[in-house]
Amino acid sequence: MEKTREILNITIMGIIYSLTVILINLVVIFVFTQDIIQILYWLSFITLIEGGLGLVAGGSTVLYSPMFNRAFEKLFNSKPWNSNRQKKAEQQSKKWIITGCFLIIEALIVSAI
């Protein structure tokens, strides 16, 4: 039950984040171009790029957090890396990955219009 609630919460947050990004993109693109074809073209293109960057950011957060934190631990005498910090990094990366997936899906929907 708790796992389902967590998945639902992350999914809802991803949808909200991605729709916010789409809305901001739409407003910025509308300011510069006022042709509907140009707006749809640029909106799908920029949203696809942002979705890909979200996926890359989420994946790199999970993969490289332990490595960079251990390097910073040695160089700057920071807090040691532990499992709690790894779980926090994984939770943050889930939001990036889900939002990136929704942005890519939304870009494909906009490009199909």
PDB file of N, CA and C in Angstrom:
ATOM      1  N   MET A   1       0.821  -1.191   0.000  1.00  0.00           N
ATOM      2  CA  MET A   1       0.000   0.000   0.000  1.00  0.00           C
ATOM      3  C   MET A   1       0.872   1.264   0.000  1.00  0.00           C
ATOM      4  N   GLU A   2       1.917   1.249   0.827  1.00  0.00           N
ATOM      5  CA  GLU A   2       2.801   2.408   0.913  1.00  0.00           C
ATOM      6  C   GLU A   2       3.579   2.602  -0.384  1.00  0.00           C
ATOM      7  N   LYS A   3       3.995   1.506  -1.002  1.00  0.00           N
ATOM      8  CA  LYS A   3       4.739   1.581  -2.261  1.00  0.00           C
ATOM      9  C   LYS A   3       3.855   2.150  -3.375  1.00  0.00           C
ATOM     10  N   THR A   4       2.588   1.750  -3.400  1.00  0.00           N
ATOM     11  CA  THR A   4       1.656   2.256  -4.398  1.00  0.00           C
ATOM     12  C   THR A   4       1.420   3.748  -4.214  1.00  0.00           C
ATOM     13  N   ARG A   5       1.304   4.177  -2.976  1.00  0.00           N
ATOM     14  CA  ARG A   5       1.109   5.593  -2.682  1.00  0.00           C
ATOM     15  C   ARG A   5       2.330   6.407  -3.117  1.00  0.00           C
ATOM     16  N   GLU A   6       3.523   5.855  -2.894  1.00  0.00           N
ATOM     17  CA  GLU A   6       4.750   6.546  -3.304  1.00  0.00           C
ATOM     18  C   GLU A   6       4.823   6.684  -4.821  1.00  0.00           C
ATOM     19  N   ILE A   7       4.485   5.615  -5.534  1.00  0.00           N
ATOM     20  CA  ILE A   7       4.502   5.646  -6.994  1.00  0.00           C
ATOM     21  C   ILE A   7       3.477   6.644  -7.521  1.00  0.00           C
ATOM     22  N   LEU A   8       2.293   6.651  -6.924  1.00  0.00           N
ATOM     23  CA  LEU A   8       1.259   7.591  -7.330  1.00  0.00           C
ATOM     24  C   LEU A   8       1.676   9.034  -7.055  1.00  0.00           C
ATOM     25  N   ASN A   9       2.305   9.262  -5.921  1.00  0.00           N
ATOM     26  CA  ASN A   9       2.770  10.596  -5.561  1.00  0.00           C
ATOM     27  C   ASN A   9       3.845  11.091  -6.535  1.00  0.00           C
ATOM     28  N   ILE A  10       4.809  10.231  -6.856  1.00  0.00           N
ATOM     29  CA  ILE A  10       5.872  10.611  -7.788  1.00  0.00           C
ATOM     30  C   ILE A  10       5.301  10.855  -9.184  1.00  0.00           C
ATOM     31  N   THR A  11       4.331  10.051  -9.601  1.00  0.00           N
ATOM     32  CA  THR A  11       3.720  10.220 -10.913  1.00  0.00           C
ATOM     33  C   THR A  11       2.959  11.541 -10.996  1.00  0.00           C
ATOM     34  N   ILE A  12       2.205  11.858  -9.970  1.00  0.00           N
ATOM     35  CA  ILE A  12       1.457  13.120  -9.957  1.00  0.00           C
ATOM     36  C   ILE A  12       2.414  14.304  -9.966  1.00  0.00           C
ATOM     37  N   MET A  13       3.475  14.237  -9.173  1.00  0.00           N
ATOM     38  CA  MET A  13       4.457  15.319  -9.161  1.00  0.00           C
ATOM     39  C   MET A  13       5.126  15.462 -10.530  1.00  0.00           C
ATOM     40  N   GLY A  14       5.424  14.354 -11.184  1.00  0.00           N
ATOM     41  CA  GLY A  14       6.024  14.397 -12.523  1.00  0.00           C
ATOM     42  C   GLY A  14       5.100  15.049 -13.536  1.00  0.00           C
ATOM     43  N   ILE A  15       3.802  14.736 -13.447  1.00  0.00           N
ATOM     44  CA  ILE A  15       2.834  15.355 -14.356  1.00  0.00           C
ATOM     45  C   ILE A  15       2.743  16.850 -14.101  1.00  0.00           C
ATOM     46  N   ILE A  16       2.690  17.243 -12.834  1.00  0.00           N
ATOM     47  CA  ILE A  16       2.604  18.665 -12.498  1.00  0.00           C
ATOM     48  C   ILE A  16       3.849  19.411 -12.972  1.00  0.00           C
ATOM     49  N   TYR A  17       5.029  18.847 -12.718  1.00  0.00           N
ATOM     50  CA  TYR A  17       6.276  19.492 -13.151  1.00  0.00           C
ATOM     51  C   TYR A  17       6.325  19.619 -14.665  1.00  0.00           C
ATOM     52  N   SER A  18       5.957  18.555 -15.369  1.00  0.00           N
ATOM     53  CA  SER A  18       6.044  18.590 -16.833  1.00  0.00           C
ATOM     54  C   SER A  18       5.028  19.561 -17.432  1.00  0.00           C
ATOM     55  N   LEU A  19       3.831  19.624 -16.874  1.00  0.00           N
ATOM     56  CA  LEU A  19       2.853  20.584 -17.380  1.00  0.00           C
ATOM     57  C   LEU A  19       3.277  22.024 -17.090  1.00  0.00           C
ATOM     58  N   THR A  20       3.947  22.232 -15.963  1.00  0.00           N
ATOM     59  CA  THR A  20       4.469  23.566 -15.655  1.00  0.00           C
ATOM     60  C   THR A  20       5.541  23.966 -16.664  1.00  0.00           C
ATOM     61  N   VAL A  21       6.420  23.045 -16.988  1.00  0.00           N
ATOM     62  CA  VAL A  21       7.469  23.321 -17.977  1.00  0.00           C
ATOM     63  C   VAL A  21       6.853  23.604 -19.340  1.00  0.00           C
ATOM     64  N   ILE A  22       5.839  22.818 -19.730  1.00  0.00           N
ATOM     65  CA  ILE A  22       5.170  23.035 -21.016  1.00  0.00           C
ATOM     66  C   ILE A  22       4.513  24.415 -21.055  1.00  0.00           C
ATOM     67  N   LEU A  23       3.870  24.799 -19.969  1.00  0.00           N
ATOM     68  CA  LEU A  23       3.199  26.096 -19.919  1.00  0.00           C
ATOM     69  C   LEU A  23       4.203  27.250 -20.032  1.00  0.00           C
ATOM     70  N   ILE A  24       5.303  27.142 -19.311  1.00  0.00           N
ATOM     71  CA  ILE A  24       6.345  28.181 -19.402  1.00  0.00           C
ATOM     72  C   ILE A  24       6.920  28.236 -20.813  1.00  0.00           C
ATOM     73  N   ASN A  25       7.180  27.070 -21.405  1.00  0.00           N
ATOM     74  CA  ASN A  25       7.675  27.039 -22.788  1.00  0.00           C
ATOM     75  C   ASN A  25       6.687  27.689 -23.735  1.00  0.00           C
ATOM     76  N   LEU A  26       5.412  27.389 -23.556  1.00  0.00           N
ATOM     77  CA  LEU A  26       4.381  27.927 -24.433  1.00  0.00           C
ATOM     78  C   LEU A  26       4.312  29.446 -24.354  1.00  0.00           C
ATOM     79  N   VAL A  27       4.398  29.984 -23.157  1.00  0.00           N
ATOM     80  CA  VAL A  27       4.354  31.436 -22.989  1.00  0.00           C
ATOM     81  C   VAL A  27       5.578  32.091 -23.618  1.00  0.00           C
ATOM     82  N   VAL A  28       6.754  31.542 -23.384  1.00  0.00           N
ATOM     83  CA  VAL A  28       7.979  32.119 -23.944  1.00  0.00           C
ATOM     84  C   VAL A  28       7.972  32.031 -25.469  1.00  0.00           C
ATOM     85  N   ILE A  29       7.568  30.903 -26.000  1.00  0.00           N
ATOM     86  CA  ILE A  29       7.530  30.746 -27.459  1.00  0.00           C
ATOM     87  C   ILE A  29       6.478  31.670 -28.070  1.00  0.00           C
ATOM     88  N   PHE A  30       5.347  31.832 -27.405  1.00  0.00           N
ATOM     89  CA  PHE A  30       4.298  32.718 -27.920  1.00  0.00           C
ATOM     90  C   PHE A  30       4.754  34.166 -27.982  1.00  0.00           C
ATOM     91  N   VAL A  31       5.589  34.559 -27.040  1.00  0.00           N
ATOM     92  CA  VAL A  31       6.105  35.931 -27.048  1.00  0.00           C
ATOM     93  C   VAL A  31       6.970  36.163 -28.289  1.00  0.00           C
ATOM     94  N   PHE A  32       7.773  35.179 -28.669  1.00  0.00           N
ATOM     95  CA  PHE A  32       8.692  35.359 -29.785  1.00  0.00           C
ATOM     96  C   PHE A  32       8.062  35.070 -31.146  1.00  0.00           C
ATOM     97  N   THR A  33       7.216  34.057 -31.228  1.00  0.00           N
ATOM     98  CA  THR A  33       6.553  33.729 -32.493  1.00  0.00           C
ATOM     99  C   THR A  33       5.063  33.639 -32.234  1.00  0.00           C
ATOM    100  N   GLN A  34       4.281  34.210 -33.128  1.00  0.00           N
ATOM    101  CA  GLN A  34       2.844  34.175 -32.920  1.00  0.00           C
ATOM    102  C   GLN A  34       2.115  33.391 -34.006  1.00  0.00           C
ATOM    103  N   ASP A  35       2.854  32.618 -34.755  1.00  0.00           N
ATOM    104  CA  ASP A  35       2.271  31.728 -35.745  1.00  0.00           C
ATOM    105  C   ASP A  35       2.046  30.369 -35.087  1.00  0.00           C
ATOM    106  N   ILE A  36       0.848  29.807 -35.217  1.00  0.00           N
ATOM    107  CA  ILE A  36       0.505  28.573 -34.510  1.00  0.00           C
ATOM    108  C   ILE A  36       1.382  27.397 -34.943  1.00  0.00           C
ATOM    109  N   ILE A  37       1.739  27.330 -36.212  1.00  0.00           N
ATOM    110  CA  ILE A  37       2.598  26.239 -36.689  1.00  0.00           C
ATOM    111  C   ILE A  37       3.984  26.352 -36.065  1.00  0.00           C
ATOM    112  N   GLN A  38       4.520  27.557 -36.024  1.00  0.00           N
ATOM    113  CA  GLN A  38       5.830  27.776 -35.405  1.00  0.00           C
ATOM    114  C   GLN A  38       5.788  27.462 -33.916  1.00  0.00           C
ATOM    115  N   ILE A  39       4.708  27.829 -33.258  1.00  0.00           N
ATOM    116  CA  ILE A  39       4.584  27.559 -31.820  1.00  0.00           C
ATOM    117  C   ILE A  39       4.593  26.059 -31.564  1.00  0.00           C
ATOM    118  N   LEU A  40       3.806  25.304 -32.334  1.00  0.00           N
ATOM    119  CA  LEU A  40       3.766  23.850 -32.132  1.00  0.00           C
ATOM    120  C   LEU A  40       5.101  23.201 -32.460  1.00  0.00           C
ATOM    121  N   TYR A  41       5.752  23.663 -33.527  1.00  0.00           N
ATOM    122  CA  TYR A  41       7.048  23.112 -33.903  1.00  0.00           C
ATOM    123  C   TYR A  41       8.079  23.332 -32.792  1.00  0.00           C
ATOM    124  N   TRP A  42       8.221  24.575 -32.359  1.00  0.00           N
ATOM    125  CA  TRP A  42       9.216  24.886 -31.334  1.00  0.00           C
ATOM    126  C   TRP A  42       8.857  24.274 -29.989  1.00  0.00           C
ATOM    127  N   LEU A  43       7.570  24.211 -29.670  1.00  0.00           N
ATOM    128  CA  LEU A  43       7.162  23.615 -28.398  1.00  0.00           C
ATOM    129  C   LEU A  43       7.526  22.131 -28.340  1.00  0.00           C
ATOM    130  N   SER A  44       7.258  21.411 -29.417  1.00  0.00           N
ATOM    131  CA  SER A  44       7.602  19.988 -29.408  1.00  0.00           C
ATOM    132  C   SER A  44       9.111  19.784 -29.395  1.00  0.00           C
ATOM    133  N   PHE A  45       9.844  20.606 -30.131  1.00  0.00           N
ATOM    134  CA  PHE A  45      11.298  20.470 -30.185  1.00  0.00           C
ATOM    135  C   PHE A  45      11.946  20.771 -28.829  1.00  0.00           C
ATOM    136  N   ILE A  46      11.573  21.886 -28.222  1.00  0.00           N
ATOM    137  CA  ILE A  46      12.168  22.274 -26.939  1.00  0.00           C
ATOM    138  C   ILE A  46      11.763  21.315 -25.827  1.00  0.00           C
ATOM    139  N   THR A  47      10.516  20.868 -25.859  1.00  0.00           N
ATOM    140  CA  THR A  47      10.053  19.930 -24.837  1.00  0.00           C
ATOM    141  C   THR A  47      10.768  18.591 -24.951  1.00  0.00           C
ATOM    142  N   LEU A  48      11.024  18.148 -26.163  1.00  0.00           N
ATOM    143  CA  LEU A  48      11.768  16.902 -26.356  1.00  0.00           C
ATOM    144  C   LEU A  48      13.187  17.024 -25.819  1.00  0.00           C
ATOM    145  N   ILE A  49      13.821  18.148 -26.061  1.00  0.00           N
ATOM    146  CA  ILE A  49      15.174  18.374 -25.537  1.00  0.00           C
ATOM    147  C   ILE A  49      15.155  18.410 -24.006  1.00  0.00           C
ATOM    148  N   GLU A  50      14.193  19.114 -23.434  1.00  0.00           N
ATOM    149  CA  GLU A  50      14.115  19.192 -21.969  1.00  0.00           C
ATOM    150  C   GLU A  50      13.806  17.842 -21.344  1.00  0.00           C
ATOM    151  N   GLY A  51      12.987  17.040 -22.007  1.00  0.00           N
ATOM    152  CA  GLY A  51      12.717  15.689 -21.503  1.00  0.00           C
ATOM    153  C   GLY A  51      13.965  14.824 -21.510  1.00  0.00           C
ATOM    154  N   GLY A  52      14.741  14.917 -22.578  1.00  0.00           N
ATOM    155  CA  GLY A  52      16.003  14.179 -22.637  1.00  0.00           C
ATOM    156  C   GLY A  52      16.986  14.630 -21.578  1.00  0.00           C
ATOM    157  N   LEU A  53      17.050  15.935 -21.352  1.00  0.00           N
ATOM    158  CA  LEU A  53      17.932  16.442 -20.294  1.00  0.00           C
ATOM    159  C   LEU A  53      17.467  15.987 -18.913  1.00  0.00           C
ATOM    160  N   GLY A  54      16.161  15.905 -18.710  1.00  0.00           N
ATOM    161  CA  GLY A  54      15.635  15.403 -17.438  1.00  0.00           C
ATOM    162  C   GLY A  54      16.010  13.951 -17.210  1.00  0.00           C
ATOM    163  N   LEU A  55      15.936  13.141 -18.263  1.00  0.00           N
ATOM    164  CA  LEU A  55      16.336  11.735 -18.143  1.00  0.00           C
ATOM    165  C   LEU A  55      17.826  11.604 -17.850  1.00  0.00           C
ATOM    166  N   VAL A  56      18.624  12.398 -18.536  1.00  0.00           N
ATOM    167  CA  VAL A  56      20.077  12.359 -18.306  1.00  0.00           C
ATOM    168  C   VAL A  56      20.409  12.821 -16.890  1.00  0.00           C
ATOM    169  N   ALA A  57      19.765  13.881 -16.432  1.00  0.00           N
ATOM    170  CA  ALA A  57      20.027  14.391 -15.081  1.00  0.00           C
ATOM    171  C   ALA A  57      19.631  13.373 -14.023  1.00  0.00           C
ATOM    172  N   GLY A  58      18.476  12.729 -14.190  1.00  0.00           N
ATOM    173  CA  GLY A  58      18.043  11.726 -13.218  1.00  0.00           C
ATOM    174  C   GLY A  58      18.949  10.512 -13.192  1.00  0.00           C
ATOM    175  N   GLY A  59      19.326  10.034 -14.359  1.00  0.00           N
ATOM    176  CA  GLY A  59      20.206   8.869 -14.413  1.00  0.00           C
ATOM    177  C   GLY A  59      21.595   9.156 -13.880  1.00  0.00           C
ATOM    178  N   SER A  60      22.117  10.320 -14.198  1.00  0.00           N
ATOM    179  CA  SER A  60      23.459  10.643 -13.716  1.00  0.00           C
ATOM    180  C   SER A  60      23.470  10.914 -12.217  1.00  0.00           C
ATOM    181  N   THR A  61      22.362  11.395 -11.676  1.00  0.00           N
ATOM    182  CA  THR A  61      22.284  11.604 -10.230  1.00  0.00           C
ATOM    183  C   THR A  61      22.444  10.284  -9.495  1.00  0.00           C
ATOM    184  N   VAL A  62      21.755   9.263  -9.962  1.00  0.00           N
ATOM    185  CA  VAL A  62      21.848   7.954  -9.305  1.00  0.00           C
ATOM    186  C   VAL A  62      23.208   7.317  -9.519  1.00  0.00           C
ATOM    187  N   LEU A  63      23.708   7.387 -10.748  1.00  0.00           N
ATOM    188  CA  LEU A  63      24.950   6.686 -11.053  1.00  0.00           C
ATOM    189  C   LEU A  63      26.189   7.333 -10.461  1.00  0.00           C
ATOM    190  N   TYR A  64      26.246   8.656 -10.500  1.00  0.00           N
ATOM    191  CA  TYR A  64      27.488   9.319 -10.144  1.00  0.00           C
ATOM    192  C   TYR A  64      27.495   9.982  -8.781  1.00  0.00           C
ATOM    193  N   SER A  65      26.382   9.983  -8.063  1.00  0.00           N
ATOM    194  CA  SER A  65      26.372  10.595  -6.730  1.00  0.00           C
ATOM    195  C   SER A  65      27.375   9.954  -5.770  1.00  0.00           C
ATOM    196  N   PRO A  66      27.403   8.620  -5.676  1.00  0.00           N
ATOM    197  CA  PRO A  66      28.384   8.032  -4.747  1.00  0.00           C
ATOM    198  C   PRO A  66      29.823   8.352  -5.116  1.00  0.00           C
ATOM    199  N   MET A  67      30.125   8.334  -6.399  1.00  0.00           N
ATOM    200  CA  MET A  67      31.497   8.586  -6.838  1.00  0.00           C
ATOM    201  C   MET A  67      31.922  10.018  -6.516  1.00  0.00           C
ATOM    202  N   PHE A  68      31.081  10.995  -6.878  1.00  0.00           N
ATOM    203  CA  PHE A  68      31.434  12.385  -6.622  1.00  0.00           C
ATOM    204  C   PHE A  68      31.454  12.696  -5.126  1.00  0.00           C
ATOM    205  N   ASN A  69      30.509  12.141  -4.396  1.00  0.00           N
ATOM    206  CA  ASN A  69      30.486  12.422  -2.963  1.00  0.00           C
ATOM    207  C   ASN A  69      31.684  11.810  -2.242  1.00  0.00           C
ATOM    208  N   ARG A  70      32.130  10.659  -2.680  1.00  0.00           N
ATOM    209  CA  ARG A  70      33.332  10.083  -2.070  1.00  0.00           C
ATOM    210  C   ARG A  70      34.571  10.896  -2.421  1.00  0.00           C
ATOM    211  N   ALA A  71      34.607  11.433  -3.627  1.00  0.00           N
ATOM    212  CA  ALA A  71      35.737  12.298  -4.001  1.00  0.00           C
ATOM    213  C   ALA A  71      35.715  13.574  -3.175  1.00  0.00           C
ATOM    214  N   PHE A  72      34.535  14.175  -2.996  1.00  0.00           N
ATOM    215  CA  PHE A  72      34.425  15.380  -2.174  1.00  0.00           C
ATOM    216  C   PHE A  72      34.724  15.076  -0.710  1.00  0.00           C
ATOM    217  N   GLU A  73      34.386  13.864  -0.294  1.00  0.00           N
ATOM    218  CA  GLU A  73      34.677  13.440   1.077  1.00  0.00           C
ATOM    219  C   GLU A  73      36.183  13.434   1.323  1.00  0.00           C
ATOM    220  N   LYS A  74      36.935  12.956   0.358  1.00  0.00           N
ATOM    221  CA  LYS A  74      38.397  12.905   0.496  1.00  0.00           C
ATOM    222  C   LYS A  74      39.025  14.291   0.355  1.00  0.00           C
ATOM    223  N   LEU A  75      38.539  15.066  -0.632  1.00  0.00           N
ATOM    224  CA  LEU A  75      39.153  16.356  -0.914  1.00  0.00           C
ATOM    225  C   LEU A  75      38.789  17.438   0.101  1.00  0.00           C
ATOM    226  N   PHE A  76      37.525  17.494   0.485  1.00  0.00           N
ATOM    227  CA  PHE A  76      37.052  18.602   1.312  1.00  0.00           C
ATOM    228  C   PHE A  76      36.624  18.190   2.716  1.00  0.00           C
ATOM    229  N   ASN A  77      36.884  16.959   3.085  1.00  0.00           N
ATOM    230  CA  ASN A  77      36.514  16.421   4.406  1.00  0.00           C
ATOM    231  C   ASN A  77      35.033  16.642   4.715  1.00  0.00           C
ATOM    232  N   SER A  78      34.192  16.338   3.753  1.00  0.00           N
ATOM    233  CA  SER A  78      32.751  16.481   3.951  1.00  0.00           C
ATOM    234  C   SER A  78      32.202  15.248   4.658  1.00  0.00           C
ATOM    235  N   LYS A  79      30.879  15.243   4.870  1.00  0.00           N
ATOM    236  CA  LYS A  79      30.241  14.123   5.562  1.00  0.00           C
ATOM    237  C   LYS A  79      30.440  12.833   4.773  1.00  0.00           C
ATOM    238  N   PRO A  80      30.611  11.718   5.459  1.00  0.00           N
ATOM    239  CA  PRO A  80      30.782  10.454   4.736  1.00  0.00           C
ATOM    240  C   PRO A  80      29.497  10.030   4.027  1.00  0.00           C
ATOM    241  N   TRP A  81      29.677   9.322   2.935  1.00  0.00           N
ATOM    242  CA  TRP A  81      28.558   8.832   2.137  1.00  0.00           C
ATOM    243  C   TRP A  81      27.953   7.641   2.836  1.00  0.00           C
ATOM    244  N   ASN A  82      26.636   7.637   3.000  1.00  0.00           N
ATOM    245  CA  ASN A  82      25.960   6.510   3.635  1.00  0.00           C
ATOM    246  C   ASN A  82      24.700   6.153   2.860  1.00  0.00           C
ATOM    247  N   SER A  83      24.008   5.145   3.325  1.00  0.00           N
ATOM    248  CA  SER A  83      22.833   4.662   2.591  1.00  0.00           C
ATOM    249  C   SER A  83      21.678   5.663   2.624  1.00  0.00           C
ATOM    250  N   ASN A  84      21.575   6.450   3.681  1.00  0.00           N
ATOM    251  CA  ASN A  84      20.504   7.458   3.728  1.00  0.00           C
ATOM    252  C   ASN A  84      20.683   8.509   2.646  1.00  0.00           C
ATOM    253  N   ARG A  85      21.901   8.943   2.442  1.00  0.00           N
ATOM    254  CA  ARG A  85      22.164   9.924   1.387  1.00  0.00           C
ATOM    255  C   ARG A  85      21.938   9.311   0.005  1.00  0.00           C
ATOM    256  N   GLN A  86      22.233   8.028  -0.150  1.00  0.00           N
ATOM    257  CA  GLN A  86      21.986   7.341  -1.420  1.00  0.00           C
ATOM    258  C   GLN A  86      20.482   7.261  -1.687  1.00  0.00           C
ATOM    259  N   LYS A  87      19.688   6.958  -0.666  1.00  0.00           N
ATOM    260  CA  LYS A  87      18.230   6.890  -0.839  1.00  0.00           C
ATOM    261  C   LYS A  87      17.653   8.250  -1.218  1.00  0.00           C
ATOM    262  N   LYS A  88      18.172   9.322  -0.611  1.00  0.00           N
ATOM    263  CA  LYS A  88      17.700  10.666  -0.959  1.00  0.00           C
ATOM    264  C   LYS A  88      18.043  11.002  -2.407  1.00  0.00           C
ATOM    265  N   ALA A  89      19.228  10.613  -2.835  1.00  0.00           N
ATOM    266  CA  ALA A  89      19.623  10.852  -4.227  1.00  0.00           C
ATOM    267  C   ALA A  89      18.741  10.054  -5.185  1.00  0.00           C
ATOM    268  N   GLU A  90      18.392   8.829  -4.804  1.00  0.00           N
ATOM    269  CA  GLU A  90      17.527   8.014  -5.649  1.00  0.00           C
ATOM    270  C   GLU A  90      16.123   8.591  -5.722  1.00  0.00           C
ATOM    271  N   GLN A  91      15.602   9.087  -4.608  1.00  0.00           N
ATOM    272  CA  GLN A  91      14.275   9.697  -4.621  1.00  0.00           C
ATOM    273  C   GLN A  91      14.252  10.947  -5.495  1.00  0.00           C
ATOM    274  N   GLN A  92      15.296  11.741  -5.408  1.00  0.00           N
ATOM    275  CA  GLN A  92      15.370  12.942  -6.248  1.00  0.00           C
ATOM    276  C   GLN A  92      15.483  12.560  -7.716  1.00  0.00           C
ATOM    277  N   SER A  93      16.232  11.523  -8.009  1.00  0.00           N
ATOM    278  CA  SER A  93      16.405  11.132  -9.403  1.00  0.00           C
ATOM    279  C   SER A  93      15.128  10.542  -9.985  1.00  0.00           C
ATOM    280  N   LYS A  94      14.304   9.914  -9.158  1.00  0.00           N
ATOM    281  CA  LYS A  94      13.024   9.395  -9.655  1.00  0.00           C
ATOM    282  C   LYS A  94      12.159  10.531 -10.176  1.00  0.00           C
ATOM    283  N   LYS A  95      12.165  11.659  -9.490  1.00  0.00           N
ATOM    284  CA  LYS A  95      11.374  12.810  -9.940  1.00  0.00           C
ATOM    285  C   LYS A  95      11.880  13.325 -11.283  1.00  0.00           C
ATOM    286  N   TRP A  96      13.201  13.391 -11.439  1.00  0.00           N
ATOM    287  CA  TRP A  96      13.773  13.847 -12.700  1.00  0.00           C
ATOM    288  C   TRP A  96      13.420  12.888 -13.837  1.00  0.00           C
ATOM    289  N   ILE A  97      13.529  11.599 -13.569  1.00  0.00           N
ATOM    290  CA  ILE A  97      13.290  10.599 -14.615  1.00  0.00           C
ATOM    291  C   ILE A  97      11.820  10.585 -15.025  1.00  0.00           C
ATOM    292  N   ILE A  98      10.910  10.587 -14.060  1.00  0.00           N
ATOM    293  CA  ILE A  98       9.482  10.581 -14.371  1.00  0.00           C
ATOM    294  C   ILE A  98       9.091  11.853 -15.117  1.00  0.00           C
ATOM    295  N   THR A  99       9.586  12.994 -14.660  1.00  0.00           N
ATOM    296  CA  THR A  99       9.280  14.251 -15.349  1.00  0.00           C
ATOM    297  C   THR A  99       9.834  14.245 -16.766  1.00  0.00           C
ATOM    298  N   GLY A 100      11.042  13.719 -16.945  1.00  0.00           N
ATOM    299  CA  GLY A 100      11.622  13.605 -18.288  1.00  0.00           C
ATOM    300  C   GLY A 100      10.796  12.713 -19.195  1.00  0.00           C
ATOM    301  N   CYS A 101      10.293  11.614 -18.655  1.00  0.00           N
ATOM    302  CA  CYS A 101       9.439  10.711 -19.452  1.00  0.00           C
ATOM    303  C   CYS A 101       8.155  11.413 -19.872  1.00  0.00           C
ATOM    304  N   PHE A 102       7.525  12.124 -18.946  1.00  0.00           N
ATOM    305  CA  PHE A 102       6.300  12.839 -19.291  1.00  0.00           C
ATOM    306  C   PHE A 102       6.557  13.955 -20.298  1.00  0.00           C
ATOM    307  N   LEU A 103       7.691  14.622 -20.182  1.00  0.00           N
ATOM    308  CA  LEU A 103       8.014  15.667 -21.157  1.00  0.00           C
ATOM    309  C   LEU A 103       8.199  15.085 -22.553  1.00  0.00           C
ATOM    310  N   ILE A 104       8.831  13.937 -22.649  1.00  0.00           N
ATOM    311  CA  ILE A 104       9.009  13.295 -23.954  1.00  0.00           C
ATOM    312  C   ILE A 104       7.663  12.853 -24.525  1.00  0.00           C
ATOM    313  N   ILE A 105       6.812  12.292 -23.679  1.00  0.00           N
ATOM    314  CA  ILE A 105       5.474  11.882 -24.135  1.00  0.00           C
ATOM    315  C   ILE A 105       4.679  13.102 -24.603  1.00  0.00           C
ATOM    316  N   GLU A 106       4.733  14.187 -23.841  1.00  0.00           N
ATOM    317  CA  GLU A 106       4.012  15.401 -24.218  1.00  0.00           C
ATOM    318  C   GLU A 106       4.581  15.996 -25.500  1.00  0.00           C
ATOM    319  N   ALA A 107       5.897  15.922 -25.695  1.00  0.00           N
ATOM    320  CA  ALA A 107       6.487  16.420 -26.943  1.00  0.00           C
ATOM    321  C   ALA A 107       6.003  15.603 -28.139  1.00  0.00           C
ATOM    322  N   LEU A 108       5.887  14.306 -27.963  1.00  0.00           N
ATOM    323  CA  LEU A 108       5.388  13.463 -29.048  1.00  0.00           C
ATOM    324  C   LEU A 108       3.918  13.759 -29.347  1.00  0.00           C
ATOM    325  N   ILE A 109       3.138  14.030 -28.309  1.00  0.00           N
ATOM    326  CA  ILE A 109       1.718  14.374 -28.514  1.00  0.00           C
ATOM    327  C   ILE A 109       1.591  15.708 -29.244  1.00  0.00           C
ATOM    328  N   VAL A 110       2.391  16.701 -28.830  1.00  0.00           N
ATOM    329  CA  VAL A 110       2.334  18.008 -29.490  1.00  0.00           C
ATOM    330  C   VAL A 110       2.790  17.905 -30.934  1.00  0.00           C
ATOM    331  N   SER A 111       3.795  17.097 -31.212  1.00  0.00           N
ATOM    332  CA  SER A 111       4.281  16.972 -32.587  1.00  0.00           C
ATOM    333  C   SER A 111       3.284  16.215 -33.468  1.00  0.00           C
ATOM    334  N   ALA A 112       2.405  15.425 -32.858  1.00  0.00           N
ATOM    335  CA  ALA A 112       1.415  14.701 -33.639  1.00  0.00           C
ATOM    336  C   ALA A 112       0.224  15.584 -34.017  1.00  0.00           C
ATOM    337  N   ILE A 113       0.107  16.724 -33.356  1.00  0.00           N
ATOM    338  CA  ILE A 113      -1.030  17.627 -33.625  1.00  0.00           C
ATOM    339  C   ILE A 113      -0.845  18.334 -34.942  1.00  0.00           C
TER     340      ILE A 113
END
